[in-house]
Amino acid sequence: MLRWFRAFLPREERFFDLFARHSQTVEQGALALQGMLRGGEETPVFCQRVNQFENDADNITREVLTAVRRTFITPFDRVDIKNLITSMDDAIDQMQQTAKAVVLFEVRVFEPPMREIGTLLVECANLVGRALPLLQSIGKNVAMLTAITEELTKLEGRVDDLHDIGLKELFLKHRDANTMDFIVGAEIYDHLEKVADRFDDVANEINSIVIEQV
């Protein structure tokens, strides 16, 4: 009954503008992360870009949470809005953690699987950007939203595989050499895997919203 009543009330649609702004920032962060993973002397520049985009995303997240508190009728459940924007923000937070590790350990050369993961993370960010506008009309976009979230989960699985492959290659490369290089490389792999995990969390939040609204 409550859902039927809410359907006839005016809704605050600026949430979708905020979602779009945040997803664009996440996409820019993923591209900066990809640039960082190319290595070379420009690596610190890309790390700084990741940090800036993370700060921008934090500001948008605060706007969303403030709007949730102040808005009478939201597009969907307040908890779902909070969980969705938080999961998106967690993804770019983890990108920042990756960039911090790179700066801390002064890494300038990255393994091929790391660079491949960077490409997959850009794909994840783009998929999230495609999915969010579809939430404005969930009923007619269920199939597309489901396809996007399934693809996000597949990409997360591919990142897991690359993480394991990369760790094995790293071990074989450094087992008779510098142990510290293995430790640093393993930490970067772990951070990159966690970025993919956070995108999978976004997919789960989108699925949860779809289930509740359909």
C-alpha atoms as a PDB file:
ATOM      1  CA  MET A   1       0.000   0.000   0.000  1.00  0.00           C
ATOM      2  CA  LEU A   2       2.806   2.385   0.925  1.00  0.00           C
ATOM      3  CA  ARG A   3       4.629   1.707  -2.348  1.00  0.00           C
ATOM      4  CA  TRP A   4       1.422   2.467  -4.283  1.00  0.00           C
ATOM      5  CA  PHE A   5       0.948   5.725  -2.347  1.00  0.00           C
ATOM      6  CA  ARG A   6       4.549   6.822  -2.880  1.00  0.00           C
ATOM      7  CA  ALA A   7       4.220   6.291  -6.629  1.00  0.00           C
ATOM      8  CA  PHE A   8       1.821   9.250  -6.837  1.00  0.00           C
ATOM      9  CA  LEU A   9       3.963  11.649  -4.822  1.00  0.00           C
ATOM     10  CA  PRO A  10       6.514  13.996  -6.400  1.00  0.00           C
ATOM     11  CA  ARG A  11      10.068  12.731  -6.117  1.00  0.00           C
ATOM     12  CA  GLU A  12      13.374  14.515  -5.744  1.00  0.00           C
ATOM     13  CA  GLU A  13      15.184  13.685  -8.968  1.00  0.00           C
ATOM     14  CA  ARG A  14      18.429  15.542  -8.266  1.00  0.00           C
ATOM     15  CA  PHE A  15      19.747  12.299  -6.823  1.00  0.00           C
ATOM     16  CA  PHE A  16      20.269  11.039 -10.364  1.00  0.00           C
ATOM     17  CA  ASP A  17      22.284  14.139 -11.225  1.00  0.00           C
ATOM     18  CA  LEU A  18      24.448  13.483  -8.188  1.00  0.00           C
ATOM     19  CA  PHE A  19      24.808   9.804  -9.104  1.00  0.00           C
ATOM     20  CA  ALA A  20      25.869  10.833 -12.601  1.00  0.00           C
ATOM     21  CA  ARG A  21      28.444  13.307 -11.276  1.00  0.00           C
ATOM     22  CA  HIS A  22      29.855  10.703  -8.923  1.00  0.00           C
ATOM     23  CA  SER A  23      30.029   7.987 -11.581  1.00  0.00           C
ATOM     24  CA  GLN A  24      31.811  10.383 -13.948  1.00  0.00           C
ATOM     25  CA  THR A  25      34.340  11.074 -11.211  1.00  0.00           C
ATOM     26  CA  VAL A  26      34.814   7.351 -10.637  1.00  0.00           C
ATOM     27  CA  GLU A  27      35.378   6.868 -14.380  1.00  0.00           C
ATOM     28  CA  GLN A  28      37.978   9.642 -14.379  1.00  0.00           C
ATOM     29  CA  GLY A  29      39.627   8.052 -11.358  1.00  0.00           C
ATOM     30  CA  ALA A  30      39.765   4.688 -13.121  1.00  0.00           C
ATOM     31  CA  LEU A  31      41.342   6.287 -16.189  1.00  0.00           C
ATOM     32  CA  ALA A  32      43.928   7.993 -13.986  1.00  0.00           C
ATOM     33  CA  LEU A  33      44.627   4.654 -12.297  1.00  0.00           C
ATOM     34  CA  GLN A  34      45.074   3.062 -15.722  1.00  0.00           C
ATOM     35  CA  GLY A  35      47.500   5.841 -16.643  1.00  0.00           C
ATOM     36  CA  MET A  36      49.405   5.258 -13.411  1.00  0.00           C
ATOM     37  CA  LEU A  37      49.779   1.557 -14.224  1.00  0.00           C
ATOM     38  CA  ARG A  38      51.539   2.376 -17.482  1.00  0.00           C
ATOM     39  CA  GLY A  39      54.486   3.366 -15.322  1.00  0.00           C
ATOM     40  CA  GLY A  40      57.327   5.738 -16.090  1.00  0.00           C
ATOM     41  CA  GLU A  41      58.188   9.175 -14.787  1.00  0.00           C
ATOM     42  CA  GLU A  42      54.579  10.399 -15.093  1.00  0.00           C
ATOM     43  CA  THR A  43      53.421   7.894 -12.476  1.00  0.00           C
ATOM     44  CA  PRO A  44      53.277  10.435  -9.599  1.00  0.00           C
ATOM     45  CA  VAL A  45      51.203  12.782 -11.764  1.00  0.00           C
ATOM     46  CA  PHE A  46      48.566  10.102 -12.300  1.00  0.00           C
ATOM     47  CA  CYS A  47      48.643   9.230  -8.594  1.00  0.00           C
ATOM     48  CA  GLN A  48      47.845  12.840  -7.788  1.00  0.00           C
ATOM     49  CA  ARG A  49      44.965  12.766 -10.255  1.00  0.00           C
ATOM     50  CA  VAL A  50      43.526   9.700  -8.530  1.00  0.00           C
ATOM     51  CA  ASN A  51      43.724  11.546  -5.217  1.00  0.00           C
ATOM     52  CA  GLN A  52      41.953  14.599  -6.631  1.00  0.00           C
ATOM     53  CA  PHE A  53      39.136  12.565  -8.135  1.00  0.00           C
ATOM     54  CA  GLU A  54      38.731  10.725  -4.841  1.00  0.00           C
ATOM     55  CA  ASN A  55      38.360  14.059  -3.042  1.00  0.00           C
ATOM     56  CA  ASP A  56      35.795  15.190  -5.609  1.00  0.00           C
ATOM     57  CA  ALA A  57      33.862  11.941  -5.149  1.00  0.00           C
ATOM     58  CA  ASP A  58      33.847  12.399  -1.367  1.00  0.00           C
ATOM     59  CA  ASN A  59      32.285  15.832  -1.778  1.00  0.00           C
ATOM     60  CA  ILE A  60      29.531  14.455  -4.010  1.00  0.00           C
ATOM     61  CA  THR A  61      28.898  11.621  -1.565  1.00  0.00           C
ATOM     62  CA  ARG A  62      28.371  14.149   1.205  1.00  0.00           C
ATOM     63  CA  GLU A  63      25.901  16.006  -1.020  1.00  0.00           C
ATOM     64  CA  VAL A  64      23.933  12.806  -1.556  1.00  0.00           C
ATOM     65  CA  LEU A  65      23.827  11.951   2.147  1.00  0.00           C
ATOM     66  CA  THR A  66      22.724  15.483   2.985  1.00  0.00           C
ATOM     67  CA  ALA A  67      19.994  15.301   0.341  1.00  0.00           C
ATOM     68  CA  VAL A  68      18.794  11.997   1.787  1.00  0.00           C
ATOM     69  CA  ARG A  69      18.292  13.629   5.169  1.00  0.00           C
ATOM     70  CA  ARG A  70      16.523  16.688   3.791  1.00  0.00           C
ATOM     71  CA  THR A  71      14.316  15.140   1.089  1.00  0.00           C
ATOM     72  CA  PHE A  72      10.790  13.990   1.914  1.00  0.00           C
ATOM     73  CA  ILE A  73      10.262  11.676  -1.072  1.00  0.00           C
ATOM     74  CA  THR A  74      13.306   9.926  -2.559  1.00  0.00           C
ATOM     75  CA  PRO A  75      13.413   7.940  -5.844  1.00  0.00           C
ATOM     76  CA  PHE A  76      13.846   4.746  -3.868  1.00  0.00           C
ATOM     77  CA  ASP A  77      14.518   3.701  -0.299  1.00  0.00           C
ATOM     78  CA  ARG A  78      16.859   5.993   1.642  1.00  0.00           C
ATOM     79  CA  VAL A  79      18.969   3.095   2.862  1.00  0.00           C
ATOM     80  CA  ASP A  80      19.391   1.901  -0.740  1.00  0.00           C
ATOM     81  CA  ILE A  81      20.508   5.367  -1.822  1.00  0.00           C
ATOM     82  CA  LYS A  82      23.018   5.505   1.021  1.00  0.00           C
ATOM     83  CA  ASN A  83      24.332   2.009   0.279  1.00  0.00           C
ATOM     84  CA  LEU A  84      24.618   2.683  -3.451  1.00  0.00           C
ATOM     85  CA  ILE A  85      26.575   5.927  -3.166  1.00  0.00           C
ATOM     86  CA  THR A  86      28.736   4.473  -0.396  1.00  0.00           C
ATOM     87  CA  SER A  87      29.654   1.433  -2.493  1.00  0.00           C
ATOM     88  CA  MET A  88      30.538   3.706  -5.419  1.00  0.00           C
ATOM     89  CA  ASP A  89      32.652   5.855  -3.140  1.00  0.00           C
ATOM     90  CA  ASP A  90      34.375   2.781  -1.722  1.00  0.00           C
ATOM     91  CA  ALA A  91      35.533   1.898  -5.244  1.00  0.00           C
ATOM     92  CA  ILE A  92      37.355   5.171  -5.782  1.00  0.00           C
ATOM     93  CA  ASP A  93      38.604   5.130  -2.177  1.00  0.00           C
ATOM     94  CA  GLN A  94      40.307   1.855  -2.980  1.00  0.00           C
ATOM     95  CA  MET A  95      41.808   3.368  -6.128  1.00  0.00           C
ATOM     96  CA  GLN A  96      43.304   6.037  -3.888  1.00  0.00           C
ATOM     97  CA  GLN A  97      44.728   3.368  -1.574  1.00  0.00           C
ATOM     98  CA  THR A  98      46.412   1.808  -4.610  1.00  0.00           C
ATOM     99  CA  ALA A  99      47.889   5.156  -5.619  1.00  0.00           C
ATOM    100  CA  LYS A 100      49.109   5.760  -2.054  1.00  0.00           C
ATOM    101  CA  ALA A 101      50.961   2.440  -2.075  1.00  0.00           C
ATOM    102  CA  VAL A 102      52.588   3.323  -5.394  1.00  0.00           C
ATOM    103  CA  VAL A 103      53.751   6.677  -4.021  1.00  0.00           C
ATOM    104  CA  LEU A 104      54.931   5.155  -0.742  1.00  0.00           C
ATOM    105  CA  PHE A 105      57.067   2.501  -2.416  1.00  0.00           C
ATOM    106  CA  GLU A 106      58.115   4.722  -5.356  1.00  0.00           C
ATOM    107  CA  VAL A 107      56.971   2.176  -7.931  1.00  0.00           C
ATOM    108  CA  ARG A 108      57.562   3.150 -11.561  1.00  0.00           C
ATOM    109  CA  VAL A 109      57.298  -0.210 -13.345  1.00  0.00           C
ATOM    110  CA  PHE A 110      54.174  -2.370 -13.322  1.00  0.00           C
ATOM    111  CA  GLU A 111      53.624  -5.963 -14.358  1.00  0.00           C
ATOM    112  CA  PRO A 112      51.501  -6.773 -17.451  1.00  0.00           C
ATOM    113  CA  PRO A 113      48.663  -8.337 -15.388  1.00  0.00           C
ATOM    114  CA  MET A 114      48.479  -5.124 -13.333  1.00  0.00           C
ATOM    115  CA  ARG A 115      48.027  -3.087 -16.487  1.00  0.00           C
ATOM    116  CA  GLU A 116      45.388  -5.517 -17.724  1.00  0.00           C
ATOM    117  CA  ILE A 117      43.533  -5.168 -14.440  1.00  0.00           C
ATOM    118  CA  GLY A 118      43.650  -1.399 -14.899  1.00  0.00           C
ATOM    119  CA  THR A 119      41.886  -1.778 -18.243  1.00  0.00           C
ATOM    120  CA  LEU A 120      39.192  -4.001 -16.692  1.00  0.00           C
ATOM    121  CA  LEU A 121      38.608  -1.471 -13.910  1.00  0.00           C
ATOM    122  CA  VAL A 122      37.941   1.222 -16.504  1.00  0.00           C
ATOM    123  CA  GLU A 123      35.368  -1.131 -18.035  1.00  0.00           C
ATOM    124  CA  CYS A 124      33.780  -1.581 -14.591  1.00  0.00           C
ATOM    125  CA  ALA A 125      33.538   2.167 -14.076  1.00  0.00           C
ATOM    126  CA  ASN A 126      31.972   2.625 -17.510  1.00  0.00           C
ATOM    127  CA  LEU A 127      29.370  -0.071 -16.781  1.00  0.00           C
ATOM    128  CA  VAL A 128      28.372   1.641 -13.549  1.00  0.00           C
ATOM    129  CA  GLY A 129      28.025   4.896 -15.470  1.00  0.00           C
ATOM    130  CA  ARG A 130      25.696   3.147 -17.929  1.00  0.00           C
ATOM    131  CA  ALA A 131      23.603   1.533 -15.210  1.00  0.00           C
ATOM    132  CA  LEU A 132      22.783   4.530 -13.026  1.00  0.00           C
ATOM    133  CA  PRO A 133      20.554   6.472 -15.473  1.00  0.00           C
ATOM    134  CA  LEU A 134      18.541   3.283 -16.029  1.00  0.00           C
ATOM    135  CA  LEU A 135      17.470   3.373 -12.367  1.00  0.00           C
ATOM    136  CA  GLN A 136      15.166   6.284 -13.201  1.00  0.00           C
ATOM    137  CA  SER A 137      12.853   3.831 -14.988  1.00  0.00           C
ATOM    138  CA  ILE A 138      13.670   0.486 -13.439  1.00  0.00           C
ATOM    139  CA  GLY A 139      10.607  -1.373 -14.695  1.00  0.00           C
ATOM    140  CA  LYS A 140      11.452  -1.085 -18.375  1.00  0.00           C
ATOM    141  CA  ASN A 141      15.201  -1.436 -17.820  1.00  0.00           C
ATOM    142  CA  VAL A 142      15.315  -4.605 -15.706  1.00  0.00           C
ATOM    143  CA  ALA A 143      16.893  -6.711 -18.449  1.00  0.00           C
ATOM    144  CA  MET A 144      19.607  -4.146 -19.207  1.00  0.00           C
ATOM    145  CA  LEU A 145      20.369  -3.552 -15.526  1.00  0.00           C
ATOM    146  CA  THR A 146      20.630  -7.299 -14.957  1.00  0.00           C
ATOM    147  CA  ALA A 147      22.973  -7.680 -17.929  1.00  0.00           C
ATOM    148  CA  ILE A 148      25.201  -4.856 -16.687  1.00  0.00           C
ATOM    149  CA  THR A 149      25.451  -6.214 -13.150  1.00  0.00           C
ATOM    150  CA  GLU A 150      26.216  -9.691 -14.477  1.00  0.00           C
ATOM    151  CA  GLU A 151      29.007  -8.222 -16.592  1.00  0.00           C
ATOM    152  CA  LEU A 152      30.402  -6.401 -13.555  1.00  0.00           C
ATOM    153  CA  THR A 153      30.503  -9.688 -11.672  1.00  0.00           C
ATOM    154  CA  LYS A 154      32.261 -11.388 -14.602  1.00  0.00           C
ATOM    155  CA  LEU A 155      34.862  -8.612 -14.725  1.00  0.00           C
ATOM    156  CA  GLU A 156      35.454  -8.985 -10.993  1.00  0.00           C
ATOM    157  CA  GLY A 157      36.079 -12.688 -11.591  1.00  0.00           C
ATOM    158  CA  ARG A 158      38.556 -11.914 -14.368  1.00  0.00           C
ATOM    159  CA  VAL A 159      40.401  -9.530 -12.049  1.00  0.00           C
ATOM    160  CA  ASP A 160      40.578 -12.301  -9.421  1.00  0.00           C
ATOM    161  CA  ASP A 161      42.154 -14.597 -12.019  1.00  0.00           C
ATOM    162  CA  LEU A 162      44.677 -11.942 -13.056  1.00  0.00           C
ATOM    163  CA  HIS A 163      45.474 -11.295  -9.393  1.00  0.00           C
ATOM    164  CA  ASP A 164      46.338 -14.971  -8.888  1.00  0.00           C
ATOM    165  CA  ILE A 165      48.286 -15.204 -12.159  1.00  0.00           C
ATOM    166  CA  GLY A 166      50.177 -12.025 -11.320  1.00  0.00           C
ATOM    167  CA  LEU A 167      51.107 -13.190  -7.833  1.00  0.00           C
ATOM    168  CA  LYS A 168      52.429 -16.483  -9.205  1.00  0.00           C
ATOM    169  CA  GLU A 169      54.508 -14.691 -11.862  1.00  0.00           C
ATOM    170  CA  LEU A 170      55.764 -12.251  -9.234  1.00  0.00           C
ATOM    171  CA  PHE A 171      56.819 -15.105  -6.955  1.00  0.00           C
ATOM    172  CA  LEU A 172      58.676 -16.915  -9.724  1.00  0.00           C
ATOM    173  CA  LYS A 173      60.369 -13.683 -10.760  1.00  0.00           C
ATOM    174  CA  HIS A 174      61.585 -12.716  -7.285  1.00  0.00           C
ATOM    175  CA  ARG A 175      61.938 -15.943  -5.311  1.00  0.00           C
ATOM    176  CA  ASP A 176      65.704 -15.933  -5.807  1.00  0.00           C
ATOM    177  CA  ALA A 177      66.045 -12.149  -5.862  1.00  0.00           C
ATOM    178  CA  ASN A 178      64.656  -9.171  -3.919  1.00  0.00           C
ATOM    179  CA  THR A 179      61.934 -10.241  -1.481  1.00  0.00           C
ATOM    180  CA  MET A 180      60.864  -6.632  -1.003  1.00  0.00           C
ATOM    181  CA  ASP A 181      59.955  -6.342  -4.686  1.00  0.00           C
ATOM    182  CA  PHE A 182      57.606  -9.294  -4.266  1.00  0.00           C
ATOM    183  CA  ILE A 183      56.017  -7.792  -1.156  1.00  0.00           C
ATOM    184  CA  VAL A 184      55.441  -4.432  -2.850  1.00  0.00           C
ATOM    185  CA  GLY A 185      54.059  -6.038  -5.988  1.00  0.00           C
ATOM    186  CA  ALA A 186      51.759  -8.291  -3.971  1.00  0.00           C
ATOM    187  CA  GLU A 187      50.362  -5.297  -2.088  1.00  0.00           C
ATOM    188  CA  ILE A 188      49.579  -3.470  -5.318  1.00  0.00           C
ATOM    189  CA  TYR A 189      47.840  -6.578  -6.678  1.00  0.00           C
ATOM    190  CA  ASP A 190      45.765  -6.822  -3.505  1.00  0.00           C
ATOM    191  CA  HIS A 191      44.689  -3.181  -3.742  1.00  0.00           C
ATOM    192  CA  LEU A 192      43.714  -3.583  -7.388  1.00  0.00           C
ATOM    193  CA  GLU A 193      41.694  -6.699  -6.599  1.00  0.00           C
ATOM    194  CA  LYS A 194      39.852  -4.787  -3.878  1.00  0.00           C
ATOM    195  CA  VAL A 195      38.857  -2.080  -6.378  1.00  0.00           C
ATOM    196  CA  ALA A 196      37.156  -4.782  -8.459  1.00  0.00           C
ATOM    197  CA  ASP A 197      35.514  -6.164  -5.316  1.00  0.00           C
ATOM    198  CA  ARG A 198      34.044  -2.736  -4.583  1.00  0.00           C
ATOM    199  CA  PHE A 199      32.627  -2.521  -8.119  1.00  0.00           C
ATOM    200  CA  ASP A 200      31.028  -5.907  -7.518  1.00  0.00           C
ATOM    201  CA  ASP A 201      29.494  -4.404  -4.371  1.00  0.00           C
ATOM    202  CA  VAL A 202      27.999  -1.656  -6.553  1.00  0.00           C
ATOM    203  CA  ALA A 203      26.485  -4.347  -8.784  1.00  0.00           C
ATOM    204  CA  ASN A 204      24.966  -6.018  -5.723  1.00  0.00           C
ATOM    205  CA  GLU A 205      23.451  -2.728  -4.535  1.00  0.00           C
ATOM    206  CA  ILE A 206      21.923  -2.106  -7.971  1.00  0.00           C
ATOM    207  CA  ASN A 207      20.459  -5.618  -7.972  1.00  0.00           C
ATOM    208  CA  SER A 208      19.006  -5.032  -4.522  1.00  0.00           C
ATOM    209  CA  ILE A 209      17.290  -1.831  -5.701  1.00  0.00           C
ATOM    210  CA  VAL A 210      15.902  -3.588  -8.777  1.00  0.00           C
ATOM    211  CA  ILE A 211      14.477  -6.439  -6.697  1.00  0.00           C
ATOM    212  CA  GLU A 212      12.763  -4.030  -4.299  1.00  0.00           C
ATOM    213  CA  GLN A 213      11.319  -1.803  -7.008  1.00  0.00           C
ATOM    214  CA  VAL A 214      10.003  -4.384  -9.467  1.00  0.00           C
END
